[in-house]
C-alpha atoms as a PDB file:
ATOM      1  CA  UNK A   1      -2.071 -41.787  30.548  1.00  0.00           C
ATOM      2  CA  UNK A   2      -0.324 -42.350  27.194  1.00  0.00           C
ATOM      3  CA  UNK A   3      -3.592 -41.761  25.284  1.00  0.00           C
ATOM      4  CA  UNK A   4      -4.187 -38.362  26.938  1.00  0.00           C
ATOM      5  CA  UNK A   5      -0.652 -37.205  26.094  1.00  0.00           C
ATOM      6  CA  UNK A   6      -1.129 -38.153  22.417  1.00  0.00           C
ATOM      7  CA  UNK A   7      -4.496 -36.380  22.389  1.00  0.00           C
ATOM      8  CA  UNK A   8      -2.933 -33.185  23.799  1.00  0.00           C
ATOM      9  CA  UNK A   9      -0.156 -33.282  21.182  1.00  0.00           C
ATOM     10  CA  UNK A  10      -2.670 -33.777  18.379  1.00  0.00           C
ATOM     11  CA  UNK A  11      -4.796 -30.887  19.657  1.00  0.00           C
ATOM     12  CA  UNK A  12      -1.697 -28.682  19.818  1.00  0.00           C
ATOM     13  CA  UNK A  13      -0.716 -29.550  16.249  1.00  0.00           C
ATOM     14  CA  UNK A  14      -4.293 -28.961  15.069  1.00  0.00           C
ATOM     15  CA  UNK A  15      -4.288 -25.553  16.786  1.00  0.00           C
ATOM     16  CA  UNK A  16      -1.025 -24.534  15.120  1.00  0.00           C
ATOM     17  CA  UNK A  17      -2.291 -25.670  11.705  1.00  0.00           C
ATOM     18  CA  UNK A  18      -5.574 -23.779  12.224  1.00  0.00           C
ATOM     19  CA  UNK A  19      -3.712 -20.576  13.179  1.00  0.00           C
ATOM     20  CA  UNK A  20      -1.446 -20.860  10.131  1.00  0.00           C
ATOM     21  CA  UNK A  21      -4.443 -21.274   7.817  1.00  0.00           C
ATOM     22  CA  UNK A  22      -6.155 -18.265   9.395  1.00  0.00           C
ATOM     23  CA  UNK A  23      -3.037 -16.138   8.914  1.00  0.00           C
ATOM     24  CA  UNK A  24      -2.719 -17.252   5.303  1.00  0.00           C
ATOM     25  CA  UNK A  25      -6.342 -16.317   4.564  1.00  0.00           C
ATOM     26  CA  UNK A  26      -6.267 -12.904   6.257  1.00  0.00           C
ATOM     27  CA  UNK A  27      -5.699  -9.974   3.896  1.00  0.00           C
ATOM     28  CA  UNK A  28      -2.138  -8.783   4.156  1.00  0.00           C
ATOM     29  CA  UNK A  29      -0.406  -5.792   2.633  1.00  0.00           C
ATOM     30  CA  UNK A  30       0.041  -7.615  -0.668  1.00  0.00           C
ATOM     31  CA  UNK A  31      -3.661  -8.490  -0.940  1.00  0.00           C
ATOM     32  CA  UNK A  32      -5.058  -5.001  -0.336  1.00  0.00           C
ATOM     33  CA  UNK A  33      -6.384  -3.190  -3.366  1.00  0.00           C
ATOM     34  CA  UNK A  34      -3.931  -0.680  -4.686  1.00  0.00           C
ATOM     35  CA  UNK A  35      -4.872   2.982  -4.949  1.00  0.00           C
ATOM     36  CA  UNK A  36      -5.270   3.951  -8.565  1.00  0.00           C
ATOM     37  CA  UNK A  37      -3.432   7.094  -9.550  1.00  0.00           C
ATOM     38  CA  UNK A  38      -4.592   9.117 -12.515  1.00  0.00           C
ATOM     39  CA  UNK A  39      -2.430  10.771 -15.132  1.00  0.00           C
ATOM     40  CA  UNK A  40       0.951  11.975 -13.933  1.00  0.00           C
ATOM     41  CA  UNK A  41       2.428  15.323 -14.969  1.00  0.00           C
ATOM     42  CA  UNK A  42       5.924  16.694 -14.576  1.00  0.00           C
ATOM     43  CA  UNK A  43       6.630  19.856 -12.590  1.00  0.00           C
ATOM     44  CA  UNK A  44       7.877  22.550 -14.988  1.00  0.00           C
ATOM     45  CA  UNK A  45      10.415  23.736 -12.382  1.00  0.00           C
ATOM     46  CA  UNK A  46      11.969  20.587 -10.860  1.00  0.00           C
ATOM     47  CA  UNK A  47      10.686  17.723 -13.017  1.00  0.00           C
ATOM     48  CA  UNK A  48       9.032  15.814 -10.177  1.00  0.00           C
ATOM     49  CA  UNK A  49       6.027  13.786 -11.294  1.00  0.00           C
ATOM     50  CA  UNK A  50       2.770  14.449  -9.455  1.00  0.00           C
ATOM     51  CA  UNK A  51      -0.801  13.279 -10.119  1.00  0.00           C
ATOM     52  CA  UNK A  52      -2.595  15.677 -12.456  1.00  0.00           C
ATOM     53  CA  UNK A  53      -5.405  16.272  -9.947  1.00  0.00           C
ATOM     54  CA  UNK A  54      -2.870  17.327  -7.263  1.00  0.00           C
ATOM     55  CA  UNK A  55      -0.709  19.489  -9.550  1.00  0.00           C
ATOM     56  CA  UNK A  56      -0.953  23.269  -9.657  1.00  0.00           C
ATOM     57  CA  UNK A  57      -1.602  24.540 -13.155  1.00  0.00           C
ATOM     58  CA  UNK A  58      -0.604  27.988 -14.371  1.00  0.00           C
ATOM     59  CA  UNK A  59      -0.170  29.181 -17.976  1.00  0.00           C
ATOM     60  CA  UNK A  60      -0.598  25.659 -19.393  1.00  0.00           C
ATOM     61  CA  UNK A  61       2.249  24.376 -17.185  1.00  0.00           C
ATOM     62  CA  UNK A  62       2.054  22.112 -14.156  1.00  0.00           C
ATOM     63  CA  UNK A  63       3.878  22.577 -10.846  1.00  0.00           C
ATOM     64  CA  UNK A  64       4.297  20.388  -7.769  1.00  0.00           C
ATOM     65  CA  UNK A  65       3.892  23.283  -5.290  1.00  0.00           C
ATOM     66  CA  UNK A  66       3.048  26.986  -5.066  1.00  0.00           C
ATOM     67  CA  UNK A  67       6.689  27.884  -4.471  1.00  0.00           C
ATOM     68  CA  UNK A  68       7.793  26.415  -7.797  1.00  0.00           C
ATOM     69  CA  UNK A  69       4.924  28.123  -9.596  1.00  0.00           C
ATOM     70  CA  UNK A  70       5.948  31.482  -8.078  1.00  0.00           C
ATOM     71  CA  UNK A  71       9.682  30.983  -8.797  1.00  0.00           C
ATOM     72  CA  UNK A  72       9.069  30.085 -12.430  1.00  0.00           C
ATOM     73  CA  UNK A  73       6.919  33.183 -12.782  1.00  0.00           C
END
């Protein structure tokens, strides 16, 4: 009876160790590739930085939204 109890404890410990190794190997938030952002430009109205490909360009100036472009006129 003593041998079976030791065997069950060892199997339990092995299971916990196996689960911990699996969790350590799985890709977490830190291990995911980061999205690369291109050049950043500043909004001519409010100064907020936005990616160049998402910015609205008018008269050689960049804006973060249509409203700021229209207000700056």
